[in-house]
Amino acid sequence: SITKEKSDDTKRKARALQGKSRKVDSHLMDTFTRNELEEALRNLKLRKSPGKDGITNEMLTNLGTRAKAALLAVLNMSWRTGIVPREWKETIMVPILRPGKNKLIMWMSSLMQVSVM
């Protein structure tokens, strides 16, 4: 019957999708490579404000070989365990007055929240 054919077709498609999602999931579990770290460091935007730890992107891009290896080990440990250090989640909230809103009364209602990580 047509209903049975549709049901079988749907089951085949679902099995095919499950196989694909397993491949993606296993790939996402791979640890980061030194080349991936190097590429990420090259792509950092410079001249940005540091986070709460005071580390700038310039500092990260100028790390030596040993420091990069240590950073990679920490990142991979966090990735494998799913544990993100509490400090990595902390942000600094900076109130910034929106352009054109310079009256004191409007000040509080015209603030934008900017999170610096």
Protein backbone atom coordinates (compact mmCIF):
# COMPACT_ATOMS: atom_id res chain seq x y z
CA SER A 1 0.00 0.00 0.00
CA ILE A 2 1.01 3.64 -0.44
CA THR A 3 1.01 4.27 3.32
CA LYS A 4 3.40 1.37 3.94
CA GLU A 5 5.73 2.59 1.15
CA LYS A 6 5.80 6.09 2.66
CA SER A 7 6.46 4.62 6.09
CA ASP A 8 9.32 2.48 4.77
CA ASP A 9 10.76 5.46 2.87
CA THR A 10 10.58 7.62 6.01
CA LYS A 11 12.34 4.93 8.04
CA ARG A 12 15.11 4.65 5.40
CA LYS A 13 15.61 8.43 5.44
CA ALA A 14 15.69 8.48 9.24
CA ARG A 15 18.34 5.72 9.31
CA ALA A 16 20.42 7.60 6.74
CA LEU A 17 20.22 10.79 8.78
CA GLN A 18 21.16 8.96 11.96
CA GLY A 19 24.29 7.60 10.29
CA LYS A 20 25.27 11.09 9.15
CA SER A 21 24.70 12.64 12.56
CA ARG A 22 26.93 10.02 14.18
CA LYS A 23 29.75 10.99 11.83
CA VAL A 24 29.32 14.66 12.70
CA ASP A 25 29.13 13.93 16.41
CA SER A 26 32.31 11.84 16.40
CA HIS A 27 34.13 14.53 14.42
CA LEU A 28 33.08 17.13 16.98
CA MET A 29 34.70 15.04 19.70
CA ASP A 30 38.13 15.32 18.08
CA THR A 31 40.59 17.42 20.02
CA PHE A 32 41.98 20.64 18.61
CA THR A 33 45.21 20.41 16.66
CA ARG A 34 48.22 22.69 16.84
CA ASN A 35 47.39 23.92 13.34
CA GLU A 36 43.83 24.81 14.39
CA LEU A 37 45.18 26.74 17.36
CA GLU A 38 47.66 28.58 15.13
CA GLU A 39 44.88 29.48 12.69
CA ALA A 40 42.61 30.70 15.50
CA LEU A 41 45.42 32.85 16.90
CA ARG A 42 46.13 34.32 13.45
CA ASN A 43 42.44 35.24 13.10
CA LEU A 44 42.17 37.07 16.43
CA LYS A 45 41.24 40.72 16.11
CA LEU A 46 43.96 42.88 17.58
CA ARG A 47 43.64 46.12 19.54
CA LYS A 48 40.64 44.84 21.52
CA SER A 49 40.09 45.28 25.24
CA PRO A 50 41.33 42.45 27.43
CA GLY A 51 38.99 40.39 29.54
CA LYS A 52 38.91 40.25 33.32
CA ASP A 53 42.24 38.38 33.33
CA GLY A 54 44.00 41.24 31.52
CA ILE A 55 45.15 38.99 28.67
CA THR A 56 45.05 40.73 25.30
CA ASN A 57 44.84 39.13 21.88
CA GLU A 58 48.30 40.54 21.19
CA MET A 59 49.63 38.52 24.12
CA LEU A 60 48.00 35.37 22.79
CA THR A 61 49.32 35.86 19.27
CA ASN A 62 52.85 36.28 20.64
CA LEU A 63 52.89 33.13 22.78
CA GLY A 64 55.97 30.96 22.50
CA THR A 65 55.95 27.30 21.54
CA ARG A 66 55.69 26.00 25.12
CA ALA A 67 52.93 28.42 26.07
CA LYS A 68 50.95 27.48 22.95
CA ALA A 69 51.33 23.80 23.83
CA ALA A 70 50.07 24.51 27.36
CA LEU A 71 47.13 26.54 26.03
CA LEU A 72 46.25 23.76 23.60
CA ALA A 73 46.36 21.19 26.42
CA VAL A 74 44.00 23.27 28.56
CA LEU A 75 41.60 23.86 25.67
CA ASN A 76 41.56 20.17 24.77
CA MET A 77 41.00 19.12 28.38
CA SER A 78 38.06 21.50 28.61
CA TRP A 79 36.70 20.22 25.28
CA ARG A 80 37.02 16.54 26.25
CA THR A 81 35.56 16.89 29.73
CA GLY A 82 32.95 19.53 28.94
CA ILE A 83 34.16 21.49 31.95
CA VAL A 84 34.68 25.19 31.33
CA PRO A 85 36.58 27.09 34.01
CA ARG A 86 34.32 29.49 35.90
CA GLU A 87 36.61 32.41 35.05
CA TRP A 88 36.03 31.85 31.32
CA LYS A 89 32.34 32.50 31.86
CA GLU A 90 32.79 35.77 33.74
CA THR A 91 32.24 39.02 31.90
CA ILE A 92 32.63 42.70 32.58
CA MET A 93 29.46 44.70 31.93
CA VAL A 94 30.22 48.18 30.65
CA PRO A 95 27.43 50.77 30.38
CA ILE A 96 27.72 52.75 27.15
CA LEU A 97 25.52 55.77 26.47
CA ARG A 98 23.71 55.54 23.14
CA PRO A 99 24.56 58.30 20.67
CA GLY A 100 22.30 61.36 20.85
CA LYS A 101 21.09 60.59 24.38
CA ASN A 102 23.01 63.09 26.46
CA LYS A 103 20.44 64.31 29.00
CA LEU A 104 20.91 63.06 32.54
CA ILE A 105 17.25 62.01 32.86
CA MET A 106 17.51 59.88 29.73
CA TRP A 107 20.86 58.45 30.74
CA MET A 108 19.69 55.37 32.62
CA SER A 109 17.03 54.43 30.06
CA SER A 110 19.36 54.84 27.11
CA LEU A 111 22.19 52.58 28.24
CA MET A 112 23.23 49.58 26.17
CA GLN A 113 24.79 46.58 27.87
CA VAL A 114 28.09 45.46 26.42
CA SER A 115 29.67 42.28 27.68
CA VAL A 116 33.45 42.09 27.47
CA MET A 117 34.81 38.54 27.57
